[in-house]
Amino acid sequence: MGDVSDYLAELDAGDRAVIGGILTRAAELVPEATEGRSYGMPALRYRDSPLLSVMRAKGHIGLYPFSPAVIEAFAAELAGVSRSKGTIRFTAEQPLPASLVERIVLARRDEIDAAKSR
C-alpha cells in the first residue's frame, strides 16, 4: 500500500467514502499520478510535484491543491466556502460539487505541466 491507501484505511467509513471518492476521481483524471507525501501529508503526486491531498481535520475535511493560484482561480465558485491560501474546507454533509473538484484537479495538473515545460 502507499501513503494515500494507508491513510484511507485509518479513516472511518464515512470519511473514507468522501475522501477516497475525491482521491479516486483525481487518480482517474490524472492516471499518471502516484501516491506519495507532500508537506507531510499523504498526497497524489504528478511529475514529481504535489497534485492533491484531502485530509480529515477537526470539524472539516481539507482539500489541498498545493497552489494558491488554483484556489484563487475558483474563488467565485468557492464563495461562502471556508478557504485559505492553501486549503479549501468542507464537510461530508456539505461536500464540494464533483465538477468543481474535477476542475480544480485538472487546473493543478495543467499548472504542473506548464511549470515542467519551461
PDB file of N, CA and C in Angstrom:
ATOM      1  N   MET A   1       0.843  -1.185   0.000  1.00  0.00           N
ATOM      2  CA  MET A   1       0.000   0.000   0.000  1.00  0.00           C
ATOM      3  C   MET A   1       0.883   1.242   0.000  1.00  0.00           C
ATOM      4  N   GLY A   2       0.307   2.352  -0.444  1.00  0.00           N
ATOM      5  CA  GLY A   2       1.031   3.601  -0.459  1.00  0.00           C
ATOM      6  C   GLY A   2       0.546   4.528   0.622  1.00  0.00           C
ATOM      7  N   ASP A   3       1.117   5.706   0.658  1.00  0.00           N
ATOM      8  CA  ASP A   3       0.772   6.688   1.689  1.00  0.00           C
ATOM      9  C   ASP A   3      -0.718   7.015   1.710  1.00  0.00           C
ATOM     10  N   VAL A   4      -1.307   7.212   0.548  1.00  0.00           N
ATOM     11  CA  VAL A   4      -2.728   7.558   0.476  1.00  0.00           C
ATOM     12  C   VAL A   4      -3.588   6.373   0.895  1.00  0.00           C
ATOM     13  N   SER A   5      -3.275   5.200   0.383  1.00  0.00           N
ATOM     14  CA  SER A   5      -4.043   3.996   0.736  1.00  0.00           C
ATOM     15  C   SER A   5      -3.972   3.719   2.230  1.00  0.00           C
ATOM     16  N   ASP A   6      -2.785   3.868   2.795  1.00  0.00           N
ATOM     17  CA  ASP A   6      -2.627   3.659   4.237  1.00  0.00           C
ATOM     18  C   ASP A   6      -3.467   4.663   5.030  1.00  0.00           C
ATOM     19  N   TYR A   7      -3.462   5.916   4.608  1.00  0.00           N
ATOM     20  CA  TYR A   7      -4.239   6.946   5.287  1.00  0.00           C
ATOM     21  C   TYR A   7      -5.731   6.620   5.207  1.00  0.00           C
ATOM     22  N   LEU A   8      -6.212   6.270   4.037  1.00  0.00           N
ATOM     23  CA  LEU A   8      -7.627   5.954   3.872  1.00  0.00           C
ATOM     24  C   LEU A   8      -8.049   4.784   4.756  1.00  0.00           C
ATOM     25  N   ALA A   9      -7.180   3.804   4.907  1.00  0.00           N
ATOM     26  CA  ALA A   9      -7.509   2.631   5.721  1.00  0.00           C
ATOM     27  C   ALA A   9      -7.733   2.994   7.188  1.00  0.00           C
ATOM     28  N   GLU A  10      -7.165   4.104   7.641  1.00  0.00           N
ATOM     29  CA  GLU A  10      -7.302   4.540   9.029  1.00  0.00           C
ATOM     30  C   GLU A  10      -8.596   5.313   9.304  1.00  0.00           C
ATOM     31  N   LEU A  11      -9.286   5.743   8.268  1.00  0.00           N
ATOM     32  CA  LEU A  11     -10.465   6.592   8.431  1.00  0.00           C
ATOM     33  C   LEU A  11     -11.723   5.785   8.713  1.00  0.00           C
ATOM     34  N   ASP A  12     -12.703   6.432   9.344  1.00  0.00           N
ATOM     35  CA  ASP A  12     -13.997   5.764   9.495  1.00  0.00           C
ATOM     36  C   ASP A  12     -14.669   5.703   8.121  1.00  0.00           C
ATOM     37  N   ALA A  13     -15.684   4.880   8.009  1.00  0.00           N
ATOM     38  CA  ALA A  13     -16.300   4.603   6.712  1.00  0.00           C
ATOM     39  C   ALA A  13     -16.828   5.860   6.024  1.00  0.00           C
ATOM     40  N   GLY A  14     -17.446   6.758   6.776  1.00  0.00           N
ATOM     41  CA  GLY A  14     -17.988   7.969   6.172  1.00  0.00           C
ATOM     42  C   GLY A  14     -16.922   8.861   5.576  1.00  0.00           C
ATOM     43  N   ASP A  15     -15.868   9.127   6.355  1.00  0.00           N
ATOM     44  CA  ASP A  15     -14.767   9.953   5.860  1.00  0.00           C
ATOM     45  C   ASP A  15     -14.046   9.253   4.704  1.00  0.00           C
ATOM     46  N   ARG A  16     -13.874   7.953   4.824  1.00  0.00           N
ATOM     47  CA  ARG A  16     -13.196   7.192   3.770  1.00  0.00           C
ATOM     48  C   ARG A  16     -13.962   7.313   2.452  1.00  0.00           C
ATOM     49  N   ALA A  17     -15.276   7.271   2.522  1.00  0.00           N
ATOM     50  CA  ALA A  17     -16.082   7.366   1.298  1.00  0.00           C
ATOM     51  C   ALA A  17     -15.900   8.730   0.626  1.00  0.00           C
ATOM     52  N   VAL A  18     -15.966   9.792   1.411  1.00  0.00           N
ATOM     53  CA  VAL A  18     -15.850  11.141   0.852  1.00  0.00           C
ATOM     54  C   VAL A  18     -14.434  11.399   0.355  1.00  0.00           C
ATOM     55  N   ILE A  19     -13.460  11.188   1.220  1.00  0.00           N
ATOM     56  CA  ILE A  19     -12.069  11.481   0.873  1.00  0.00           C
ATOM     57  C   ILE A  19     -11.581  10.521  -0.211  1.00  0.00           C
ATOM     58  N   GLY A  20     -11.880   9.250  -0.042  1.00  0.00           N
ATOM     59  CA  GLY A  20     -11.471   8.266  -1.036  1.00  0.00           C
ATOM     60  C   GLY A  20     -12.099   8.522  -2.388  1.00  0.00           C
ATOM     61  N   GLY A  21     -13.352   8.969  -2.396  1.00  0.00           N
ATOM     62  CA  GLY A  21     -14.014   9.281  -3.661  1.00  0.00           C
ATOM     63  C   GLY A  21     -13.316  10.395  -4.414  1.00  0.00           C
ATOM     64  N   ILE A  22     -12.913  11.426  -3.701  1.00  0.00           N
ATOM     65  CA  ILE A  22     -12.201  12.539  -4.343  1.00  0.00           C
ATOM     66  C   ILE A  22     -10.849  12.065  -4.874  1.00  0.00           C
ATOM     67  N   LEU A  23     -10.119  11.328  -4.063  1.00  0.00           N
ATOM     68  CA  LEU A  23      -8.801  10.865  -4.492  1.00  0.00           C
ATOM     69  C   LEU A  23      -8.891   9.867  -5.649  1.00  0.00           C
ATOM     70  N   THR A  24      -9.896   9.018  -5.625  1.00  0.00           N
ATOM     71  CA  THR A  24     -10.085   8.067  -6.730  1.00  0.00           C
ATOM     72  C   THR A  24     -10.380   8.816  -8.021  1.00  0.00           C
ATOM     73  N   ARG A  25     -11.271   9.807  -7.942  1.00  0.00           N
ATOM     74  CA  ARG A  25     -11.590  10.580  -9.148  1.00  0.00           C
ATOM     75  C   ARG A  25     -10.381  11.356  -9.644  1.00  0.00           C
ATOM     76  N   ALA A  26      -9.597  11.919  -8.738  1.00  0.00           N
ATOM     77  CA  ALA A  26      -8.384  12.633  -9.142  1.00  0.00           C
ATOM     78  C   ALA A  26      -7.426  11.690  -9.860  1.00  0.00           C
ATOM     79  N   ALA A  27      -7.284  10.472  -9.360  1.00  0.00           N
ATOM     80  CA  ALA A  27      -6.406   9.488  -9.998  1.00  0.00           C
ATOM     81  C   ALA A  27      -6.946   9.074 -11.367  1.00  0.00           C
ATOM     82  N   GLU A  28      -8.250   9.055 -11.527  1.00  0.00           N
ATOM     83  CA  GLU A  28      -8.834   8.768 -12.841  1.00  0.00           C
ATOM     84  C   GLU A  28      -8.561   9.901 -13.821  1.00  0.00           C
ATOM     85  N   LEU A  29      -8.660  11.131 -13.337  1.00  0.00           N
ATOM     86  CA  LEU A  29      -8.419  12.294 -14.192  1.00  0.00           C
ATOM     87  C   LEU A  29      -6.950  12.455 -14.565  1.00  0.00           C
ATOM     88  N   VAL A  30      -6.078  12.059 -13.651  1.00  0.00           N
ATOM     89  CA  VAL A  30      -4.631  12.176 -13.869  1.00  0.00           C
ATOM     90  C   VAL A  30      -4.026  10.795 -13.600  1.00  0.00           C
ATOM     91  N   PRO A  31      -4.164   9.869 -14.558  1.00  0.00           N
ATOM     92  CA  PRO A  31      -3.741   8.492 -14.307  1.00  0.00           C
ATOM     93  C   PRO A  31      -2.236   8.325 -14.055  1.00  0.00           C
ATOM     94  N   GLU A  32      -1.457   9.321 -14.409  1.00  0.00           N
ATOM     95  CA  GLU A  32      -0.013   9.256 -14.155  1.00  0.00           C
ATOM     96  C   GLU A  32       0.327   9.596 -12.706  1.00  0.00           C
ATOM     97  N   ALA A  33      -0.650  10.038 -11.942  1.00  0.00           N
ATOM     98  CA  ALA A  33      -0.424  10.416 -10.537  1.00  0.00           C
ATOM     99  C   ALA A  33      -0.063   9.180  -9.718  1.00  0.00           C
ATOM    100  N   THR A  34       0.806   9.382  -8.750  1.00  0.00           N
ATOM    101  CA  THR A  34       1.238   8.302  -7.868  1.00  0.00           C
ATOM    102  C   THR A  34       1.024   8.725  -6.421  1.00  0.00           C
ATOM    103  N   GLU A  35       0.932   7.737  -5.553  1.00  0.00           N
ATOM    104  CA  GLU A  35       0.806   8.024  -4.126  1.00  0.00           C
ATOM    105  C   GLU A  35       2.152   8.443  -3.558  1.00  0.00           C
ATOM    106  N   GLY A  36       2.113   9.388  -2.663  1.00  0.00           N
ATOM    107  CA  GLY A  36       3.328   9.843  -2.005  1.00  0.00           C
ATOM    108  C   GLY A  36       2.972  10.755  -0.857  1.00  0.00           C
ATOM    109  N   ARG A  37       3.904  11.636  -0.533  1.00  0.00           N
ATOM    110  CA  ARG A  37       3.695  12.610   0.538  1.00  0.00           C
ATOM    111  C   ARG A  37       4.141  13.969   0.035  1.00  0.00           C
ATOM    112  N   SER A  38       3.464  14.996   0.530  1.00  0.00           N
ATOM    113  CA  SER A  38       3.851  16.371   0.252  1.00  0.00           C
ATOM    114  C   SER A  38       3.523  17.189   1.486  1.00  0.00           C
ATOM    115  N   TYR A  39       4.487  17.959   1.929  1.00  0.00           N
ATOM    116  CA  TYR A  39       4.329  18.763   3.138  1.00  0.00           C
ATOM    117  C   TYR A  39       3.857  17.898   4.305  1.00  0.00           C
ATOM    118  N   GLY A  40       4.326  16.665   4.355  1.00  0.00           N
ATOM    119  CA  GLY A  40       3.997  15.744   5.429  1.00  0.00           C
ATOM    120  C   GLY A  40       2.634  15.091   5.319  1.00  0.00           C
ATOM    121  N   MET A  41       1.902  15.386   4.255  1.00  0.00           N
ATOM    122  CA  MET A  41       0.552  14.838   4.091  1.00  0.00           C
ATOM    123  C   MET A  41       0.558  13.750   3.020  1.00  0.00           C
ATOM    124  N   PRO A  42      -0.258  12.711   3.200  1.00  0.00           N
ATOM    125  CA  PRO A  42      -0.425  11.750   2.120  1.00  0.00           C
ATOM    126  C   PRO A  42      -1.053  12.481   0.935  1.00  0.00           C
ATOM    127  N   ALA A  43      -0.477  12.292  -0.234  1.00  0.00           N
ATOM    128  CA  ALA A  43      -0.915  13.077  -1.386  1.00  0.00           C
ATOM    129  C   ALA A  43      -0.740  12.292  -2.677  1.00  0.00           C
ATOM    130  N   LEU A  44      -1.464  12.733  -3.680  1.00  0.00           N
ATOM    131  CA  LEU A  44      -1.188  12.270  -5.026  1.00  0.00           C
ATOM    132  C   LEU A  44      -0.141  13.200  -5.603  1.00  0.00           C
ATOM    133  N   ARG A  45       0.827  12.613  -6.287  1.00  0.00           N
ATOM    134  CA  ARG A  45       1.913  13.384  -6.891  1.00  0.00           C
ATOM    135  C   ARG A  45       1.887  13.154  -8.394  1.00  0.00           C
ATOM    136  N   TYR A  46       2.256  14.194  -9.127  1.00  0.00           N
ATOM    137  CA  TYR A  46       2.250  14.144 -10.583  1.00  0.00           C
ATOM    138  C   TYR A  46       3.520  14.824 -11.075  1.00  0.00           C
ATOM    139  N   ARG A  47       4.274  14.118 -11.864  1.00  0.00           N
ATOM    140  CA  ARG A  47       5.531  14.645 -12.416  1.00  0.00           C
ATOM    141  C   ARG A  47       6.437  15.187 -11.298  1.00  0.00           C
ATOM    142  N   ASP A  48       6.533  14.432 -10.231  1.00  0.00           N
ATOM    143  CA  ASP A  48       7.369  14.771  -9.076  1.00  0.00           C
ATOM    144  C   ASP A  48       6.934  16.035  -8.340  1.00  0.00           C
ATOM    145  N   SER A  49       5.684  16.443  -8.529  1.00  0.00           N
ATOM    146  CA  SER A  49       5.141  17.598  -7.817  1.00  0.00           C
ATOM    147  C   SER A  49       3.847  17.183  -7.116  1.00  0.00           C
ATOM    148  N   PRO A  50       3.521  17.834  -6.016  1.00  0.00           N
ATOM    149  CA  PRO A  50       2.256  17.502  -5.338  1.00  0.00           C
ATOM    150  C   PRO A  50       1.065  17.948  -6.167  1.00  0.00           C
ATOM    151  N   LEU A  51       0.123  17.040  -6.361  1.00  0.00           N
ATOM    152  CA  LEU A  51      -1.086  17.324  -7.127  1.00  0.00           C
ATOM    153  C   LEU A  51      -2.254  17.662  -6.206  1.00  0.00           C
ATOM    154  N   LEU A  52      -2.492  16.800  -5.202  1.00  0.00           N
ATOM    155  CA  LEU A  52      -3.673  16.967  -4.370  1.00  0.00           C
ATOM    156  C   LEU A  52      -3.552  16.140  -3.098  1.00  0.00           C
ATOM    157  N   SER A  53      -4.012  16.705  -2.012  1.00  0.00           N
ATOM    158  CA  SER A  53      -4.205  15.959  -0.776  1.00  0.00           C
ATOM    159  C   SER A  53      -5.600  16.292  -0.260  1.00  0.00           C
ATOM    160  N   VAL A  54      -6.219  15.316   0.367  1.00  0.00           N
ATOM    161  CA  VAL A  54      -7.521  15.522   1.008  1.00  0.00           C
ATOM    162  C   VAL A  54      -7.419  14.837   2.357  1.00  0.00           C
ATOM    163  N   MET A  55      -7.630  15.608   3.423  1.00  0.00           N
ATOM    164  CA  MET A  55      -7.448  15.058   4.759  1.00  0.00           C
ATOM    165  C   MET A  55      -8.541  15.504   5.714  1.00  0.00           C
ATOM    166  N   ARG A  56      -8.789  14.656   6.674  1.00  0.00           N
ATOM    167  CA  ARG A  56      -9.724  14.939   7.759  1.00  0.00           C
ATOM    168  C   ARG A  56      -9.036  15.849   8.753  1.00  0.00           C
ATOM    169  N   ALA A  57      -9.749  16.873   9.180  1.00  0.00           N
ATOM    170  CA  ALA A  57      -9.272  17.763  10.234  1.00  0.00           C
ATOM    171  C   ALA A  57     -10.410  17.914  11.238  1.00  0.00           C
ATOM    172  N   LYS A  58     -10.125  18.536  12.342  1.00  0.00           N
ATOM    173  CA  LYS A  58     -11.171  18.706  13.352  1.00  0.00           C
ATOM    174  C   LYS A  58     -12.264  19.615  12.795  1.00  0.00           C
ATOM    175  N   GLY A  59     -13.443  19.054  12.622  1.00  0.00           N
ATOM    176  CA  GLY A  59     -14.580  19.832  12.176  1.00  0.00           C
ATOM    177  C   GLY A  59     -14.746  20.011  10.683  1.00  0.00           C
ATOM    178  N   HIS A  60     -13.803  19.531   9.891  1.00  0.00           N
ATOM    179  CA  HIS A  60     -13.942  19.682   8.446  1.00  0.00           C
ATOM    180  C   HIS A  60     -13.024  18.697   7.711  1.00  0.00           C
ATOM    181  N   ILE A  61     -13.164  18.700   6.406  1.00  0.00           N
ATOM    182  CA  ILE A  61     -12.245  17.989   5.518  1.00  0.00           C
ATOM    183  C   ILE A  61     -11.529  19.063   4.722  1.00  0.00           C
ATOM    184  N   GLY A  62     -10.219  18.926   4.600  1.00  0.00           N
ATOM    185  CA  GLY A  62      -9.439  19.907   3.857  1.00  0.00           C
ATOM    186  C   GLY A  62      -8.995  19.349   2.523  1.00  0.00           C
ATOM    187  N   LEU A  63      -9.209  20.131   1.473  1.00  0.00           N
ATOM    188  CA  LEU A  63      -8.700  19.792   0.151  1.00  0.00           C
ATOM    189  C   LEU A  63      -7.534  20.723  -0.122  1.00  0.00           C
ATOM    190  N   TYR A  64      -6.390  20.154  -0.441  1.00  0.00           N
ATOM    191  CA  TYR A  64      -5.155  20.904  -0.615  1.00  0.00           C
ATOM    192  C   TYR A  64      -4.641  20.690  -2.037  1.00  0.00           C
ATOM    193  N   PRO A  65      -4.843  21.666  -2.932  1.00  0.00           N
ATOM    194  CA  PRO A  65      -4.306  21.521  -4.279  1.00  0.00           C
ATOM    195  C   PRO A  65      -2.858  22.029  -4.409  1.00  0.00           C
ATOM    196  N   PHE A  66      -2.252  22.396  -3.291  1.00  0.00           N
ATOM    197  CA  PHE A  66      -0.853  22.832  -3.264  1.00  0.00           C
ATOM    198  C   PHE A  66      -0.593  24.014  -4.199  1.00  0.00           C
ATOM    199  N   SER A  67      -1.591  24.888  -4.328  1.00  0.00           N
ATOM    200  CA  SER A  67      -1.447  26.029  -5.227  1.00  0.00           C
ATOM    201  C   SER A  67      -2.418  27.142  -4.847  1.00  0.00           C
ATOM    202  N   PRO A  68      -1.916  28.229  -4.289  1.00  0.00           N
ATOM    203  CA  PRO A  68      -2.796  29.362  -4.030  1.00  0.00           C
ATOM    204  C   PRO A  68      -3.444  29.889  -5.312  1.00  0.00           C
ATOM    205  N   ALA A  69      -2.714  29.829  -6.423  1.00  0.00           N
ATOM    206  CA  ALA A  69      -3.247  30.331  -7.692  1.00  0.00           C
ATOM    207  C   ALA A  69      -4.453  29.512  -8.152  1.00  0.00           C
ATOM    208  N   VAL A  70      -4.409  28.210  -7.962  1.00  0.00           N
ATOM    209  CA  VAL A  70      -5.546  27.368  -8.352  1.00  0.00           C
ATOM    210  C   VAL A  70      -6.746  27.684  -7.467  1.00  0.00           C
ATOM    211  N   ILE A  71      -6.539  27.820  -6.177  1.00  0.00           N
ATOM    212  CA  ILE A  71      -7.653  28.160  -5.282  1.00  0.00           C
ATOM    213  C   ILE A  71      -8.242  29.507  -5.681  1.00  0.00           C
ATOM    214  N   GLU A  72      -7.394  30.472  -5.947  1.00  0.00           N
ATOM    215  CA  GLU A  72      -7.867  31.803  -6.323  1.00  0.00           C
ATOM    216  C   GLU A  72      -8.618  31.779  -7.651  1.00  0.00           C
ATOM    217  N   ALA A  73      -8.220  30.916  -8.567  1.00  0.00           N
ATOM    218  CA  ALA A  73      -8.895  30.826  -9.867  1.00  0.00           C
ATOM    219  C   ALA A  73     -10.361  30.413  -9.732  1.00  0.00           C
ATOM    220  N   PHE A  74     -10.683  29.726  -8.649  1.00  0.00           N
ATOM    221  CA  PHE A  74     -12.049  29.267  -8.427  1.00  0.00           C
ATOM    222  C   PHE A  74     -12.740  30.039  -7.293  1.00  0.00           C
ATOM    223  N   ALA A  75     -12.209  31.200  -6.956  1.00  0.00           N
ATOM    224  CA  ALA A  75     -12.720  31.982  -5.827  1.00  0.00           C
ATOM    225  C   ALA A  75     -14.210  32.277  -5.950  1.00  0.00           C
ATOM    226  N   ALA A  76     -14.671  32.625  -7.129  1.00  0.00           N
ATOM    227  CA  ALA A  76     -16.090  32.951  -7.291  1.00  0.00           C
ATOM    228  C   ALA A  76     -16.967  31.737  -6.991  1.00  0.00           C
ATOM    229  N   GLU A  77     -16.541  30.564  -7.437  1.00  0.00           N
ATOM    230  CA  GLU A  77     -17.314  29.343  -7.199  1.00  0.00           C
ATOM    231  C   GLU A  77     -17.192  28.862  -5.756  1.00  0.00           C
ATOM    232  N   LEU A  78     -16.160  29.333  -5.082  1.00  0.00           N
ATOM    233  CA  LEU A  78     -15.943  28.946  -3.687  1.00  0.00           C
ATOM    234  C   LEU A  78     -16.490  29.981  -2.708  1.00  0.00           C
ATOM    235  N   ALA A  79     -17.216  30.949  -3.225  1.00  0.00           N
ATOM    236  CA  ALA A  79     -17.808  31.967  -2.350  1.00  0.00           C
ATOM    237  C   ALA A  79     -18.678  31.262  -1.305  1.00  0.00           C
ATOM    238  N   GLY A  80     -18.481  31.630  -0.070  1.00  0.00           N
ATOM    239  CA  GLY A  80     -19.238  31.013   1.009  1.00  0.00           C
ATOM    240  C   GLY A  80     -18.615  29.746   1.555  1.00  0.00           C
ATOM    241  N   VAL A  81     -17.546  29.277   0.918  1.00  0.00           N
ATOM    242  CA  VAL A  81     -16.830  28.087   1.382  1.00  0.00           C
ATOM    243  C   VAL A  81     -15.599  28.563   2.147  1.00  0.00           C
ATOM    244  N   SER A  82     -15.339  27.981   3.294  1.00  0.00           N
ATOM    245  CA  SER A  82     -14.169  28.350   4.076  1.00  0.00           C
ATOM    246  C   SER A  82     -12.910  27.940   3.320  1.00  0.00           C
ATOM    247  N   ARG A  83     -12.005  28.891   3.167  1.00  0.00           N
ATOM    248  CA  ARG A  83     -10.764  28.584   2.462  1.00  0.00           C
ATOM    249  C   ARG A  83      -9.667  29.522   2.931  1.00  0.00           C
ATOM    250  N   SER A  84      -8.462  29.132   2.637  1.00  0.00           N
ATOM    251  CA  SER A  84      -7.303  29.964   2.886  1.00  0.00           C
ATOM    252  C   SER A  84      -6.431  29.890   1.645  1.00  0.00           C
ATOM    253  N   LYS A  85      -5.247  30.416   1.754  1.00  0.00           N
ATOM    254  CA  LYS A  85      -4.333  30.416   0.618  1.00  0.00           C
ATOM    255  C   LYS A  85      -4.044  29.008   0.109  1.00  0.00           C
ATOM    256  N   GLY A  86      -4.061  28.013   1.012  1.00  0.00           N
ATOM    257  CA  GLY A  86      -3.678  26.676   0.599  1.00  0.00           C
ATOM    258  C   GLY A  86      -4.704  25.588   0.820  1.00  0.00           C
ATOM    259  N   THR A  87      -5.864  25.942   1.378  1.00  0.00           N
ATOM    260  CA  THR A  87      -6.836  24.922   1.780  1.00  0.00           C
ATOM    261  C   THR A  87      -8.251  25.331   1.412  1.00  0.00           C
ATOM    262  N   ILE A  88      -9.027  24.343   0.997  1.00  0.00           N
ATOM    263  CA  ILE A  88     -10.469  24.514   0.823  1.00  0.00           C
ATOM    264  C   ILE A  88     -11.119  23.586   1.840  1.00  0.00           C
ATOM    265  N   ARG A  89     -11.949  24.152   2.721  1.00  0.00           N
ATOM    266  CA  ARG A  89     -12.553  23.368   3.805  1.00  0.00           C
ATOM    267  C   ARG A  89     -14.027  23.093   3.517  1.00  0.00           C
ATOM    268  N   PHE A  90     -14.433  21.854   3.745  1.00  0.00           N
ATOM    269  CA  PHE A  90     -15.823  21.477   3.548  1.00  0.00           C
ATOM    270  C   PHE A  90     -16.149  20.329   4.488  1.00  0.00           C
ATOM    271  N   THR A  91     -17.392  19.891   4.484  1.00  0.00           N
ATOM    272  CA  THR A  91     -17.791  18.770   5.322  1.00  0.00           C
ATOM    273  C   THR A  91     -18.446  17.706   4.456  1.00  0.00           C
ATOM    274  N   ALA A  92     -18.574  16.519   5.002  1.00  0.00           N
ATOM    275  CA  ALA A  92     -19.255  15.442   4.290  1.00  0.00           C
ATOM    276  C   ALA A  92     -20.721  15.800   4.071  1.00  0.00           C
ATOM    277  N   GLU A  93     -21.289  16.568   4.999  1.00  0.00           N
ATOM    278  CA  GLU A  93     -22.680  16.977   4.883  1.00  0.00           C
ATOM    279  C   GLU A  93     -22.878  18.071   3.833  1.00  0.00           C
ATOM    280  N   GLN A  94     -21.834  18.844   3.583  1.00  0.00           N
ATOM    281  CA  GLN A  94     -21.873  19.903   2.573  1.00  0.00           C
ATOM    282  C   GLN A  94     -20.624  19.771   1.702  1.00  0.00           C
ATOM    283  N   PRO A  95     -20.585  18.739   0.868  1.00  0.00           N
ATOM    284  CA  PRO A  95     -19.394  18.494   0.043  1.00  0.00           C
ATOM    285  C   PRO A  95     -19.264  19.513  -1.087  1.00  0.00           C
ATOM    286  N   LEU A  96     -18.079  19.585  -1.620  1.00  0.00           N
ATOM    287  CA  LEU A  96     -17.860  20.406  -2.806  1.00  0.00           C
ATOM    288  C   LEU A  96     -18.499  19.704  -4.000  1.00  0.00           C
ATOM    289  N   PRO A  97     -19.024  20.455  -4.952  1.00  0.00           N
ATOM    290  CA  PRO A  97     -19.568  19.817  -6.152  1.00  0.00           C
ATOM    291  C   PRO A  97     -18.482  19.024  -6.884  1.00  0.00           C
ATOM    292  N   ALA A  98     -18.825  17.837  -7.331  1.00  0.00           N
ATOM    293  CA  ALA A  98     -17.851  16.966  -8.007  1.00  0.00           C
ATOM    294  C   ALA A  98     -17.236  17.653  -9.218  1.00  0.00           C
ATOM    295  N   SER A  99     -18.038  18.387  -9.965  1.00  0.00           N
ATOM    296  CA  SER A  99     -17.497  19.049 -11.160  1.00  0.00           C
ATOM    297  C   SER A  99     -16.466  20.111 -10.786  1.00  0.00           C
ATOM    298  N   LEU A 100     -16.655  20.786  -9.662  1.00  0.00           N
ATOM    299  CA  LEU A 100     -15.689  21.781  -9.201  1.00  0.00           C
ATOM    300  C   LEU A 100     -14.393  21.098  -8.784  1.00  0.00           C
ATOM    301  N   VAL A 101     -14.484  20.016  -8.045  1.00  0.00           N
ATOM    302  CA  VAL A 101     -13.284  19.276  -7.636  1.00  0.00           C
ATOM    303  C   VAL A 101     -12.524  18.807  -8.874  1.00  0.00           C
ATOM    304  N   GLU A 102     -13.236  18.303  -9.860  1.00  0.00           N
ATOM    305  CA  GLU A 102     -12.581  17.840 -11.093  1.00  0.00           C
ATOM    306  C   GLU A 102     -11.835  18.978 -11.771  1.00  0.00           C
ATOM    307  N   ARG A 103     -12.455  20.150 -11.854  1.00  0.00           N
ATOM    308  CA  ARG A 103     -11.795  21.285 -12.492  1.00  0.00           C
ATOM    309  C   ARG A 103     -10.593  21.773 -11.679  1.00  0.00           C
ATOM    310  N   ILE A 104     -10.666  21.681 -10.369  1.00  0.00           N
ATOM    311  CA  ILE A 104      -9.514  22.034  -9.532  1.00  0.00           C
ATOM    312  C   ILE A 104      -8.358  21.076  -9.803  1.00  0.00           C
ATOM    313  N   VAL A 105      -8.648  19.791  -9.845  1.00  0.00           N
ATOM    314  CA  VAL A 105      -7.605  18.787 -10.122  1.00  0.00           C
ATOM    315  C   VAL A 105      -6.968  19.043 -11.482  1.00  0.00           C
ATOM    316  N   LEU A 106      -7.784  19.268 -12.487  1.00  0.00           N
ATOM    317  CA  LEU A 106      -7.259  19.486 -13.844  1.00  0.00           C
ATOM    318  C   LEU A 106      -6.474  20.790 -13.946  1.00  0.00           C
ATOM    319  N   ALA A 107      -6.926  21.819 -13.229  1.00  0.00           N
ATOM    320  CA  ALA A 107      -6.185  23.079 -13.218  1.00  0.00           C
ATOM    321  C   ALA A 107      -4.817  22.891 -12.577  1.00  0.00           C
ATOM    322  N   ARG A 108      -4.763  22.129 -11.497  1.00  0.00           N
ATOM    323  CA  ARG A 108      -3.474  21.866 -10.846  1.00  0.00           C
ATOM    324  C   ARG A 108      -2.568  21.043 -11.760  1.00  0.00           C
ATOM    325  N   ARG A 109      -3.145  20.034 -12.421  1.00  0.00           N
ATOM    326  CA  ARG A 109      -2.352  19.247 -13.380  1.00  0.00           C
ATOM    327  C   ARG A 109      -1.778  20.153 -14.462  1.00  0.00           C
ATOM    328  N   ASP A 110      -2.615  21.018 -15.015  1.00  0.00           N
ATOM    329  CA  ASP A 110      -2.153  21.921 -16.079  1.00  0.00           C
ATOM    330  C   ASP A 110      -1.081  22.881 -15.572  1.00  0.00           C
ATOM    331  N   GLU A 111      -1.216  23.327 -14.337  1.00  0.00           N
ATOM    332  CA  GLU A 111      -0.211  24.211 -13.737  1.00  0.00           C
ATOM    333  C   GLU A 111       1.133  23.489 -13.616  1.00  0.00           C
ATOM    334  N   ILE A 112       1.098  22.243 -13.196  1.00  0.00           N
ATOM    335  CA  ILE A 112       2.323  21.450 -13.092  1.00  0.00           C
ATOM    336  C   ILE A 112       2.931  21.249 -14.469  1.00  0.00           C
ATOM    337  N   ASP A 113       2.102  20.884 -15.451  1.00  0.00           N
ATOM    338  CA  ASP A 113       2.607  20.691 -16.818  1.00  0.00           C
ATOM    339  C   ASP A 113       3.277  21.953 -17.336  1.00  0.00           C
ATOM    340  N   ALA A 114       2.660  23.103 -17.112  1.00  0.00           N
ATOM    341  CA  ALA A 114       3.226  24.361 -17.580  1.00  0.00           C
ATOM    342  C   ALA A 114       4.575  24.642 -16.907  1.00  0.00           C
ATOM    343  N   ALA A 115       4.657  24.376 -15.613  1.00  0.00           N
ATOM    344  CA  ALA A 115       5.918  24.609 -14.892  1.00  0.00           C
ATOM    345  C   ALA A 115       7.014  23.661 -15.356  1.00  0.00           C
ATOM    346  N   LYS A 116       6.657  22.435 -15.671  1.00  0.00           N
ATOM    347  CA  LYS A 116       7.660  21.441 -16.082  1.00  0.00           C
ATOM    348  C   LYS A 116       8.108  21.625 -17.517  1.00  0.00           C
ATOM    349  N   SER A 117       7.342  22.346 -18.326  1.00  0.00           N
ATOM    350  CA  SER A 117       7.704  22.514 -19.732  1.00  0.00           C
ATOM    351  C   SER A 117       8.573  23.762 -19.959  1.00  0.00           C
ATOM    352  N   ARG A 118       8.853  24.487 -18.891  1.00  0.00           N
ATOM    353  CA  ARG A 118       9.700  25.687 -19.030  1.00  0.00           C
ATOM    354  C   ARG A 118      11.139  25.306 -19.191  1.00  0.00           C
TER     355      ARG A 118
END
